[in-house]
Amino acid sequence: MIRPLIPLVLILTCLSFLPPSLARAAGTLTYGMQDDPDALDPAQSGTYSGRVVFAAMCDKLIDTNAAMQFVPQLATSWSWSPDSLSLTLKLRPNVRFQDGSPLDAAAVKTNLERYLDAPYSFRKAELGPLTAIIVIDPLTVRLTLAHPYAPLIAVLADRAGMMLSPAALARAGKNIALHPVCAGPFQFVNRVAEDHITLERFGGYWNANAIHLDRIIYRMIPNAAVRLEDLEAGSLDVAEQIPPPDIAGMLQHRSLKLISSPALAYKTISFNLANGPAANTPLGQDPRVRRALALAIDRNALNQVVFSGQFIPNNQTQVPHSTYWDPDFPVQPADAEAARKLLAAAGHPSVSFTLITDNTPTDQEVGQVIQSMAGAAGFHITLRPMDANAQVAAARAGDYQAALVFWSGRSDPDFNLSIWLASNGFENWGHYRSKSFNELLTEARTSTNTATRQALYRKIVASYLQDVPHLFLYNWRWLWGATTRLQGYTPQPDGLFRPEGITLSQ
């Protein structure tokens, strides 16, 4: 009776010395993230890292595919009324939330009303024209609008389209972020702030045949070098935001591969124009000073120095040469002399300000390059590194003069602009207010004709390049490092890590 136990003991002893990638359960994927997400509630969330987790946890009414076309998810179809004042959605039958309760039209109504009415909701501006949510039958819901609103489809393909269990919402209210209950393929297990988030496969998922992983663990590792080391050591299966200069070295490991995609995402500098005492600077009060700063920054050199030429220099919110990008305003070469003259004409030959950056090495390097370039034109920049959540909190409170920030991008041009620059934009930290700009945004939202919208967005580009409430720098390229055991992942321009179809081979 003793002899059969000896091989088992030996096996268990050997397993304890296996590399982490082999000792983990075969169905567990460990994903290295740069930033710790904010609240895990679509109503309260404002970070890209939160959207990465939501992509596995919370299905939306509508999704996008690799071509950034809108495709069914929890809704199987949708249609506009002839006057574009209502949108009718047909819901997928037999969908259940992760607590077992059914997803039906009444649940959609509960969720959309919360996004509209909850005092803590950041989705109000996105759903602004929505006046009523009408339950037609258990699988049909109609949304009525005060006026036509073309971006509504894109709204429902983002956080405002994520459905949470009404029963869980009734119990938890604002605290739903502590244990969200959605209708996605993976359900929440636990979270340790600034360390990890664990999700497990939901057996009752409507598209269960597309899910092959048992568990996803998101590990928060702000330092890109450490993420890469952990990937190379086998304790991560995927590491996001690989620094371009590190790609060649990473690929020397035969067990690793690069996954990349052009991105809707961009980097921008937000300026505090009217949010408290910190706005009372030449930078905040005079657009000529901000235009001078724009003249001083060489976007092409910045891309080469920091990103090895991988990213896309840009001065607009849309990707160059895409539908709503304006070719009349391409990126211009830097001109320090012209910047100095413009500062002198504004009566401020020397301007000092503090620039908040993320506390990652890459963001700090971007800040240092900008600091050097702007210094040649008469700007004296102090860098203030902060973690992503602290940065957002400081900016919302007006505790900033300028902040280097990231936007993950959206399929509709309105949401690459309005969050930052509309008077009621939920990330309008600097309190930019322009009646003419808001009128252009409103007009562009009410048309579903592409040519009409193109003409309006060109006027919008001219407006924000004149006022410079934000200084847009470059578009991203998504760069993931991954184990070669990872199969079935299709990258998309929105940068979200969708789990459908993903497997980990042995």
Protein backbone atom coordinates (compact mmCIF):
# COMPACT_ATOMS: atom_id res chain seq x y z
CA MET A 1 0.00 0.00 0.00
CA ILE A 2 2.98 2.31 0.46
CA ARG A 3 4.74 1.73 -2.87
CA PRO A 4 2.07 3.34 -5.20
CA LEU A 5 2.38 6.61 -3.27
CA ILE A 6 6.07 7.07 -4.07
CA PRO A 7 5.63 8.07 -7.75
CA LEU A 8 2.91 10.54 -6.75
CA VAL A 9 5.20 12.21 -4.22
CA LEU A 10 7.95 12.45 -6.81
CA ILE A 11 5.58 13.95 -9.37
CA LEU A 12 4.32 16.59 -6.93
CA THR A 13 7.89 17.45 -5.92
CA CYS A 14 8.91 17.90 -9.56
CA LEU A 15 5.88 20.04 -10.30
CA SER A 16 6.90 22.47 -7.57
CA PHE A 17 10.06 23.25 -9.55
CA LEU A 18 8.41 23.75 -12.94
CA PRO A 19 8.61 27.20 -14.55
CA PRO A 20 5.59 29.36 -13.65
CA SER A 21 4.15 29.14 -17.18
CA LEU A 22 3.94 25.32 -16.90
CA ALA A 23 2.99 25.07 -13.22
CA ARG A 24 -0.14 27.24 -13.78
CA ALA A 25 -3.39 25.61 -14.76
CA ALA A 26 -3.46 25.19 -18.53
CA GLY A 27 -6.64 27.24 -18.83
CA THR A 28 -5.37 30.26 -16.89
CA LEU A 29 -4.14 33.28 -18.85
CA THR A 30 -2.12 35.88 -16.98
CA TYR A 31 -2.18 39.35 -18.54
CA GLY A 32 0.33 42.05 -17.56
CA MET A 33 -1.27 45.51 -17.45
CA GLN A 34 0.43 48.88 -17.19
CA ASP A 35 -2.25 50.63 -15.11
CA ASP A 36 -4.56 49.65 -12.30
CA PRO A 37 -8.16 50.16 -13.49
CA ASP A 38 -10.38 52.64 -11.74
CA ALA A 39 -13.90 51.61 -10.59
CA LEU A 40 -15.06 48.34 -12.17
CA ASP A 41 -18.44 49.84 -12.95
CA PRO A 42 -19.16 51.06 -16.49
CA ALA A 43 -21.07 54.00 -15.01
CA GLN A 44 -18.07 55.19 -12.99
CA SER A 45 -15.15 54.08 -15.15
CA GLY A 46 -12.96 56.41 -17.19
CA THR A 47 -9.75 54.46 -17.89
CA TYR A 48 -8.53 52.33 -20.77
CA SER A 49 -7.29 49.68 -18.34
CA GLY A 50 -10.85 49.36 -17.04
CA ARG A 51 -12.10 48.75 -20.58
CA VAL A 52 -9.55 45.94 -20.98
CA VAL A 53 -11.08 44.10 -18.01
CA PHE A 54 -14.64 44.90 -19.11
CA ALA A 55 -13.91 43.27 -22.50
CA ALA A 56 -13.83 39.89 -20.74
CA MET A 57 -16.42 40.59 -18.06
CA CYS A 58 -19.20 42.79 -19.45
CA ASP A 59 -20.76 42.25 -22.87
CA LYS A 60 -22.27 45.28 -24.61
CA LEU A 61 -25.44 45.70 -26.61
CA ILE A 62 -23.28 46.28 -29.71
CA ASP A 63 -19.64 45.48 -30.41
CA THR A 64 -17.10 46.40 -33.12
CA ASN A 65 -15.00 44.08 -35.27
CA ALA A 66 -11.43 44.37 -36.57
CA ALA A 67 -12.62 46.72 -39.34
CA MET A 68 -14.32 48.88 -36.66
CA GLN A 69 -17.74 48.00 -38.04
CA PHE A 70 -20.63 47.67 -35.61
CA VAL A 71 -21.68 44.07 -35.01
CA PRO A 72 -24.27 42.35 -32.78
CA GLN A 73 -23.50 41.28 -29.24
CA LEU A 74 -26.30 41.38 -26.66
CA ALA A 75 -28.52 42.99 -29.30
CA THR A 76 -28.93 40.96 -32.49
CA SER A 77 -30.14 43.90 -34.60
CA TRP A 78 -31.05 47.58 -34.43
CA SER A 79 -32.86 50.03 -36.68
CA TRP A 80 -33.51 53.77 -36.85
CA SER A 81 -36.97 55.25 -37.34
CA PRO A 82 -37.41 57.26 -40.58
CA ASP A 83 -36.99 60.54 -38.66
CA SER A 84 -33.94 59.22 -36.74
CA LEU A 85 -35.65 60.07 -33.45
CA SER A 86 -35.84 56.51 -32.16
CA LEU A 87 -33.67 53.41 -32.25
CA THR A 88 -35.20 49.96 -31.82
CA LEU A 89 -33.03 47.09 -30.60
CA LYS A 90 -33.81 43.38 -30.74
CA LEU A 91 -32.17 41.49 -27.88
CA ARG A 92 -30.51 38.10 -28.00
CA PRO A 93 -32.75 35.43 -26.43
CA ASN A 94 -31.72 33.21 -23.52
CA VAL A 95 -28.97 35.50 -22.19
CA ARG A 96 -28.33 35.42 -18.45
CA PHE A 97 -26.36 37.61 -16.12
CA GLN A 98 -23.61 36.03 -14.07
CA ASP A 99 -26.02 35.74 -11.09
CA GLY A 100 -28.42 33.67 -13.22
CA SER A 101 -31.03 36.38 -13.74
CA PRO A 102 -32.30 36.97 -17.31
CA LEU A 103 -31.18 39.79 -19.56
CA ASP A 104 -34.32 41.24 -21.11
CA ALA A 105 -35.70 44.59 -22.23
CA ALA A 106 -36.58 45.53 -18.64
CA ALA A 107 -32.94 44.96 -17.62
CA VAL A 108 -31.75 47.15 -20.49
CA LYS A 109 -34.15 49.87 -19.36
CA THR A 110 -32.82 49.66 -15.78
CA ASN A 111 -29.21 49.96 -16.95
CA LEU A 112 -29.75 52.85 -19.35
CA GLU A 113 -31.78 54.77 -16.79
CA ARG A 114 -28.96 54.34 -14.28
CA TYR A 115 -26.43 55.63 -16.80
CA LEU A 116 -28.69 58.65 -17.39
CA ASP A 117 -29.81 59.42 -13.86
CA ALA A 118 -27.30 58.17 -11.28
CA PRO A 119 -25.45 61.15 -9.77
CA TYR A 120 -22.15 59.23 -10.03
CA SER A 121 -22.58 58.26 -13.70
CA PHE A 122 -20.04 59.50 -16.26
CA ARG A 123 -22.27 58.31 -19.11
CA LYS A 124 -24.84 61.12 -18.92
CA ALA A 125 -23.31 63.32 -21.61
CA GLU A 126 -22.91 60.37 -23.98
CA LEU A 127 -26.62 59.55 -23.67
CA GLY A 128 -27.70 63.19 -23.45
CA PRO A 129 -30.43 63.24 -26.17
CA LEU A 130 -32.04 60.03 -24.85
CA THR A 131 -35.47 60.92 -23.45
CA ALA A 132 -37.17 57.56 -22.94
CA ILE A 133 -36.46 53.83 -22.87
CA ILE A 134 -39.57 51.90 -23.86
CA VAL A 135 -40.03 48.17 -23.32
CA ILE A 136 -41.93 46.89 -26.38
CA ASP A 137 -41.74 43.21 -25.41
CA PRO A 138 -39.27 41.08 -23.43
CA LEU A 139 -36.74 41.11 -26.28
CA THR A 140 -37.43 44.53 -27.84
CA VAL A 141 -36.52 47.95 -26.50
CA ARG A 142 -36.97 51.34 -28.15
CA LEU A 143 -34.85 54.38 -27.36
CA THR A 144 -36.40 57.75 -28.13
CA LEU A 145 -34.37 60.90 -28.64
CA ALA A 146 -34.94 64.62 -28.33
CA HIS A 147 -33.11 65.09 -31.63
CA PRO A 148 -31.18 62.87 -34.09
CA TYR A 149 -27.95 61.59 -32.56
CA ALA A 150 -25.67 59.67 -34.92
CA PRO A 151 -23.11 58.61 -32.26
CA LEU A 152 -25.70 56.62 -30.27
CA ILE A 153 -24.67 53.35 -31.95
CA ALA A 154 -21.06 53.96 -30.86
CA VAL A 155 -22.29 54.81 -27.35
CA LEU A 156 -24.00 51.44 -27.09
CA ALA A 157 -20.80 49.78 -28.33
CA ASP A 158 -18.94 51.16 -25.33
CA ARG A 159 -19.47 51.37 -21.56
CA ALA A 160 -23.03 52.72 -21.81
CA GLY A 161 -23.92 49.54 -23.70
CA MET A 162 -22.62 47.25 -20.95
CA MET A 163 -25.45 45.58 -19.06
CA LEU A 164 -25.27 44.73 -15.34
CA SER A 165 -27.67 42.59 -13.33
CA PRO A 166 -30.56 44.74 -12.04
CA ALA A 167 -30.76 42.51 -8.95
CA ALA A 168 -27.09 43.16 -8.17
CA LEU A 169 -27.53 46.87 -8.83
CA ALA A 170 -30.50 47.01 -6.47
CA ARG A 171 -28.41 45.43 -3.71
CA ALA A 172 -25.14 47.30 -4.23
CA GLY A 173 -25.98 50.65 -5.84
CA LYS A 174 -22.84 52.72 -6.34
CA ASN A 175 -20.82 49.96 -4.65
CA ILE A 176 -21.46 47.61 -7.57
CA ALA A 177 -17.84 48.37 -8.57
CA LEU A 178 -16.69 46.19 -5.68
CA HIS A 179 -18.31 43.11 -7.24
CA PRO A 180 -19.72 43.77 -10.73
CA VAL A 181 -22.22 41.27 -12.15
CA CYS A 182 -22.43 41.45 -15.94
CA ALA A 183 -23.46 39.27 -18.89
CA GLY A 184 -19.98 38.56 -20.27
CA PRO A 185 -17.91 35.38 -20.59
CA PHE A 186 -15.89 35.82 -17.37
CA GLN A 187 -17.22 36.71 -13.92
CA PHE A 188 -15.54 38.71 -11.21
CA VAL A 189 -13.75 36.75 -8.44
CA ASN A 190 -11.54 39.19 -6.55
CA ARG A 191 -9.39 42.28 -6.76
CA VAL A 192 -6.34 43.43 -4.82
CA ALA A 193 -5.73 47.09 -5.60
CA GLU A 194 -2.55 47.78 -7.57
CA ASP A 195 -1.80 44.05 -7.70
CA HIS A 196 -4.29 41.87 -9.57
CA ILE A 197 -7.86 41.20 -10.70
CA THR A 198 -9.11 37.63 -11.15
CA LEU A 199 -11.96 36.54 -13.39
CA GLU A 200 -13.32 33.01 -13.91
CA ARG A 201 -15.26 31.56 -16.83
CA PHE A 202 -19.04 31.94 -16.52
CA GLY A 203 -20.60 28.62 -17.43
CA GLY A 204 -23.93 30.16 -18.38
CA TYR A 205 -22.48 32.53 -21.01
CA TRP A 206 -24.61 32.77 -24.16
CA ASN A 207 -21.58 32.23 -26.46
CA ALA A 208 -19.83 29.63 -24.29
CA ASN A 209 -18.52 27.64 -27.27
CA ALA A 210 -16.19 30.56 -28.16
CA ILE A 211 -14.55 30.58 -24.70
CA HIS A 212 -11.70 28.14 -24.07
CA LEU A 213 -9.93 29.69 -21.08
CA ASP A 214 -10.90 28.90 -17.49
CA ARG A 215 -9.52 31.97 -15.81
CA ILE A 216 -7.92 35.35 -16.55
CA ILE A 217 -5.63 37.06 -14.05
CA TYR A 218 -4.78 40.70 -14.74
CA ARG A 219 -1.58 41.73 -12.99
CA MET A 220 -0.80 45.44 -12.55
CA ILE A 221 2.86 46.05 -13.45
CA PRO A 222 3.46 49.78 -14.20
CA ASN A 223 7.10 49.32 -15.20
CA ALA A 224 7.37 48.11 -18.81
CA ALA A 225 10.80 46.58 -18.18
CA VAL A 226 9.40 44.49 -15.33
CA ARG A 227 6.44 43.40 -17.47
CA LEU A 228 8.84 42.28 -20.16
CA GLU A 229 11.03 40.44 -17.64
CA ASP A 230 7.97 38.63 -16.28
CA LEU A 231 6.90 37.71 -19.82
CA GLU A 232 10.35 36.34 -20.61
CA ALA A 233 10.39 34.41 -17.32
CA GLY A 234 7.04 32.80 -18.14
CA SER A 235 4.97 34.30 -15.32
CA LEU A 236 2.94 36.29 -17.87
CA ASP A 237 1.25 35.00 -21.01
CA VAL A 238 0.62 38.48 -22.41
CA ALA A 239 2.23 41.84 -21.65
CA GLU A 240 0.67 45.00 -23.02
CA GLN A 241 2.38 48.16 -24.25
CA ILE A 242 5.80 46.73 -25.04
CA PRO A 243 8.19 49.69 -25.54
CA PRO A 244 9.19 49.77 -29.24
CA PRO A 245 12.95 49.80 -28.48
CA ASP A 246 12.52 46.48 -26.62
CA ILE A 247 10.81 44.58 -29.44
CA ALA A 248 13.96 43.25 -31.11
CA GLY A 249 15.34 41.92 -27.82
CA MET A 250 12.02 40.30 -26.92
CA LEU A 251 11.87 38.45 -30.24
CA GLN A 252 15.22 36.82 -29.54
CA HIS A 253 13.24 34.58 -27.19
CA ARG A 254 11.86 31.82 -29.41
CA SER A 255 8.99 31.27 -26.97
CA LEU A 256 7.68 34.82 -27.47
CA LYS A 257 5.98 36.72 -30.27
CA LEU A 258 4.78 40.24 -31.04
CA ILE A 259 1.12 41.04 -31.70
CA SER A 260 0.48 44.53 -33.08
CA SER A 261 -2.24 46.70 -34.55
CA PRO A 262 -2.62 50.34 -35.59
CA ALA A 263 -4.60 52.14 -32.94
CA LEU A 264 -7.43 54.61 -32.61
CA ALA A 265 -5.68 55.62 -29.39
CA TYR A 266 -3.76 58.85 -29.09
CA LYS A 267 -1.68 60.89 -26.66
CA THR A 268 -2.57 64.48 -25.91
CA ILE A 269 -1.73 67.28 -23.49
CA SER A 270 -4.73 68.64 -21.59
CA PHE A 271 -4.48 72.27 -20.44
CA ASN A 272 -6.23 73.72 -17.42
CA LEU A 273 -8.09 76.75 -18.81
CA ALA A 274 -10.67 77.51 -16.13
CA ASN A 275 -10.73 74.78 -13.46
CA GLY A 276 -9.66 76.59 -10.30
CA PRO A 277 -6.63 78.74 -9.38
CA ALA A 278 -4.14 76.51 -11.21
CA ALA A 279 -5.59 77.79 -14.50
CA ASN A 280 -4.45 81.35 -13.81
CA THR A 281 -1.24 81.15 -15.83
CA PRO A 282 -0.23 82.46 -19.27
CA LEU A 283 -0.54 78.88 -20.51
CA GLY A 284 -4.11 78.58 -19.30
CA GLN A 285 -5.28 82.06 -20.22
CA ASP A 286 -3.69 82.78 -23.61
CA PRO A 287 -4.15 80.48 -26.64
CA ARG A 288 -1.10 82.14 -28.27
CA VAL A 289 1.08 80.61 -25.55
CA ARG A 290 -0.40 77.17 -26.23
CA ARG A 291 0.07 77.61 -29.99
CA ALA A 292 3.70 78.53 -29.32
CA LEU A 293 4.14 75.31 -27.35
CA ALA A 294 2.67 73.37 -30.27
CA LEU A 295 5.18 75.02 -32.61
CA ALA A 296 8.05 74.04 -30.33
CA ILE A 297 7.31 70.29 -30.33
CA ASP A 298 8.78 68.15 -33.11
CA ARG A 299 6.32 65.24 -33.24
CA ASN A 300 8.36 63.28 -35.78
CA ALA A 301 11.51 63.50 -33.68
CA LEU A 302 9.53 62.55 -30.58
CA ASN A 303 8.28 59.43 -32.39
CA GLN A 304 11.79 58.45 -33.46
CA VAL A 305 13.47 59.09 -30.12
CA VAL A 306 10.93 57.44 -27.82
CA PHE A 307 9.07 54.99 -30.06
CA SER A 308 11.66 53.95 -32.66
CA GLY A 309 9.35 55.31 -35.36
CA GLN A 310 6.54 52.86 -34.52
CA PHE A 311 3.87 55.43 -33.63
CA ILE A 312 2.02 57.92 -35.87
CA PRO A 313 2.75 61.67 -35.41
CA ASN A 314 -0.54 63.57 -35.45
CA ASN A 315 -2.12 66.88 -34.43
CA GLN A 316 -5.74 65.75 -34.65
CA THR A 317 -8.04 63.33 -32.84
CA GLN A 318 -8.57 61.11 -35.89
CA VAL A 319 -5.98 58.77 -37.37
CA PRO A 320 -4.22 60.40 -40.37
CA HIS A 321 -5.91 59.74 -43.70
CA SER A 322 -9.02 58.27 -42.08
CA THR A 323 -12.54 59.46 -42.91
CA TYR A 324 -12.72 62.43 -40.54
CA TRP A 325 -9.06 63.48 -40.50
CA ASP A 326 -8.54 66.89 -42.16
CA PRO A 327 -5.76 66.88 -44.81
CA ASP A 328 -5.66 70.69 -44.77
CA PHE A 329 -3.98 70.55 -41.35
CA PRO A 330 -1.15 68.01 -41.53
CA VAL A 331 1.57 67.85 -38.90
CA GLN A 332 3.96 70.79 -39.42
CA PRO A 333 7.70 70.77 -38.69
CA ALA A 334 8.70 72.24 -35.35
CA ASP A 335 9.83 75.88 -35.42
CA ALA A 336 11.41 77.08 -32.18
CA GLU A 337 12.13 80.52 -33.60
CA ALA A 338 8.49 81.05 -34.59
CA ALA A 339 7.45 79.81 -31.15
CA ARG A 340 9.73 82.36 -29.44
CA LYS A 341 8.31 85.18 -31.59
CA LEU A 342 4.76 84.16 -30.76
CA LEU A 343 5.55 84.11 -27.04
CA ALA A 344 7.15 87.55 -27.29
CA ALA A 345 4.09 88.90 -29.14
CA ALA A 346 1.90 87.52 -26.35
CA GLY A 347 4.03 89.39 -23.81
CA HIS A 348 5.42 86.24 -22.22
CA PRO A 349 8.95 85.58 -23.54
CA SER A 350 9.45 82.99 -20.79
CA VAL A 351 6.67 80.69 -19.55
CA SER A 352 6.89 78.16 -16.72
CA PHE A 353 4.39 75.40 -15.97
CA THR A 354 4.09 71.92 -14.49
CA LEU A 355 3.29 68.94 -16.72
CA ILE A 356 1.77 65.86 -15.11
CA THR A 357 2.86 62.57 -16.69
CA ASP A 358 2.12 58.95 -15.92
CA ASN A 359 4.79 57.43 -13.69
CA THR A 360 5.82 54.88 -16.34
CA PRO A 361 9.33 55.12 -17.83
CA THR A 362 7.91 55.68 -21.32
CA ASP A 363 5.65 58.56 -20.30
CA GLN A 364 8.43 60.14 -18.30
CA GLU A 365 10.71 59.92 -21.33
CA VAL A 366 8.02 61.58 -23.48
CA GLY A 367 7.80 64.33 -20.86
CA GLN A 368 11.56 64.79 -20.85
CA VAL A 369 11.72 65.09 -24.66
CA ILE A 370 8.91 67.65 -24.63
CA GLN A 371 10.64 69.48 -21.80
CA SER A 372 13.85 69.74 -23.87
CA MET A 373 12.12 70.77 -27.11
CA ALA A 374 9.98 73.40 -25.41
CA GLY A 375 12.98 74.72 -23.51
CA ALA A 376 14.54 75.86 -26.78
CA ALA A 377 11.52 78.12 -27.32
CA GLY A 378 11.41 79.71 -23.86
CA PHE A 379 9.28 77.25 -21.88
CA HIS A 380 10.42 75.96 -18.50
CA ILE A 381 8.57 72.73 -17.72
CA THR A 382 8.57 70.91 -14.40
CA LEU A 383 7.56 67.25 -14.70
CA ARG A 384 5.24 65.71 -12.11
CA PRO A 385 4.96 61.91 -12.46
CA MET A 386 1.82 60.27 -10.99
CA ASP A 387 0.04 56.95 -11.31
CA ALA A 388 -2.91 56.95 -13.72
CA ASN A 389 -5.71 57.07 -11.14
CA ALA A 390 -4.04 59.83 -9.11
CA GLN A 391 -3.52 61.79 -12.32
CA VAL A 392 -7.21 61.59 -13.22
CA ALA A 393 -8.25 62.58 -9.70
CA ALA A 394 -5.88 65.59 -9.69
CA ALA A 395 -7.05 66.76 -13.11
CA ARG A 396 -10.74 66.47 -12.25
CA ALA A 397 -10.08 68.50 -9.10
CA GLY A 398 -8.27 71.23 -11.10
CA ASP A 399 -4.98 70.40 -9.42
CA TYR A 400 -2.96 70.70 -12.62
CA GLN A 401 -1.69 73.13 -15.26
CA ALA A 402 -1.02 70.60 -18.03
CA ALA A 403 -1.32 66.82 -18.15
CA LEU A 404 0.02 64.30 -20.64
CA VAL A 405 -2.91 61.92 -21.07
CA PHE A 406 -3.97 58.93 -23.13
CA TRP A 407 -7.25 58.24 -24.91
CA SER A 408 -7.92 54.74 -26.21
CA GLY A 409 -10.00 56.04 -29.12
CA ARG A 410 -13.48 55.30 -30.40
CA SER A 411 -15.07 54.36 -33.70
CA ASP A 412 -17.17 57.54 -33.96
CA PRO A 413 -15.30 60.88 -34.24
CA ASP A 414 -17.58 62.52 -31.69
CA PHE A 415 -16.14 60.44 -28.88
CA ASN A 416 -12.58 61.30 -29.76
CA LEU A 417 -13.50 64.95 -29.21
CA SER A 418 -16.49 65.49 -26.99
CA ILE A 419 -15.13 63.80 -23.88
CA TRP A 420 -12.32 66.37 -23.68
CA LEU A 421 -13.72 69.46 -25.37
CA ALA A 422 -17.52 69.59 -25.17
CA SER A 423 -18.66 71.83 -22.32
CA ASN A 424 -20.29 68.82 -20.65
CA GLY A 425 -17.58 66.33 -21.64
CA PHE A 426 -16.94 63.93 -18.79
CA GLU A 427 -13.16 64.37 -19.15
CA ASN A 428 -13.21 68.13 -19.84
CA TRP A 429 -10.81 68.65 -16.96
CA GLY A 430 -9.63 72.05 -18.13
CA HIS A 431 -13.22 73.43 -18.37
CA TYR A 432 -12.89 74.50 -22.01
CA ARG A 433 -16.01 76.44 -22.98
CA SER A 434 -16.74 77.52 -26.54
CA LYS A 435 -20.29 78.22 -27.72
CA SER A 436 -19.35 77.98 -31.41
CA PHE A 437 -17.43 74.74 -30.86
CA ASN A 438 -20.38 73.17 -29.01
CA GLU A 439 -22.72 74.22 -31.81
CA LEU A 440 -20.49 72.52 -34.41
CA LEU A 441 -20.35 69.34 -32.31
CA THR A 442 -24.12 69.32 -31.95
CA GLU A 443 -24.66 69.80 -35.67
CA ALA A 444 -22.22 66.99 -36.49
CA ARG A 445 -24.02 64.63 -34.10
CA THR A 446 -27.41 65.19 -35.67
CA SER A 447 -26.42 64.11 -39.19
CA THR A 448 -25.99 60.53 -40.36
CA ASN A 449 -24.62 61.66 -43.74
CA THR A 450 -20.86 61.06 -43.97
CA ALA A 451 -20.10 63.94 -46.34
CA THR A 452 -22.02 66.40 -44.16
CA ARG A 453 -20.21 65.20 -41.06
CA GLN A 454 -16.82 65.41 -42.80
CA ALA A 455 -17.38 69.08 -43.63
CA LEU A 456 -18.42 69.85 -40.06
CA TYR A 457 -15.49 68.02 -38.49
CA ARG A 458 -13.08 69.98 -40.67
CA LYS A 459 -14.49 73.16 -39.13
CA ILE A 460 -14.09 71.56 -35.72
CA VAL A 461 -10.43 70.75 -36.40
CA ALA A 462 -9.75 74.36 -37.41
CA SER A 463 -11.44 75.53 -34.20
CA TYR A 464 -9.46 73.41 -31.73
CA LEU A 465 -6.16 74.03 -33.51
CA GLN A 466 -6.81 77.75 -33.03
CA ASP A 467 -7.83 77.57 -29.34
CA VAL A 468 -5.53 74.64 -28.38
CA PRO A 469 -7.46 73.42 -25.32
CA HIS A 470 -5.58 70.17 -26.00
CA LEU A 471 -2.33 69.58 -27.85
CA PHE A 472 -2.58 66.29 -29.77
CA LEU A 473 0.77 64.54 -30.27
CA TYR A 474 0.57 61.11 -31.86
CA ASN A 475 -1.52 58.02 -32.46
CA TRP A 476 -0.58 54.79 -30.79
CA ARG A 477 0.30 51.38 -32.13
CA TRP A 478 -0.85 48.52 -29.94
CA LEU A 479 2.14 46.31 -29.13
CA TRP A 480 1.59 43.15 -27.10
CA GLY A 481 4.26 40.63 -26.21
CA ALA A 482 2.87 37.11 -25.87
CA THR A 483 3.89 33.54 -25.39
CA THR A 484 3.82 31.51 -28.60
CA ARG A 485 1.41 29.19 -26.77
CA LEU A 486 -1.23 31.89 -27.18
CA GLN A 487 -3.38 31.21 -30.23
CA GLY A 488 -6.57 32.65 -31.67
CA TYR A 489 -6.24 36.28 -30.62
CA THR A 490 -7.32 38.85 -33.23
CA PRO A 491 -6.06 42.36 -32.38
CA GLN A 492 -8.35 45.29 -33.06
CA PRO A 493 -7.71 49.05 -33.38
CA ASP A 494 -9.51 49.73 -30.10
CA GLY A 495 -6.80 47.75 -28.25
CA LEU A 496 -9.20 45.64 -26.18
CA PHE A 497 -8.17 42.08 -25.34
CA ARG A 498 -11.28 40.07 -26.26
CA PRO A 499 -11.11 36.48 -24.99
CA GLU A 500 -13.27 34.83 -27.66
CA GLY A 501 -11.35 32.17 -29.57
CA ILE A 502 -8.19 32.39 -27.44
CA THR A 503 -6.42 29.18 -26.44
CA LEU A 504 -3.18 28.36 -24.63
CA SER A 505 -1.47 25.31 -26.05
CA GLN A 506 0.61 22.99 -23.88
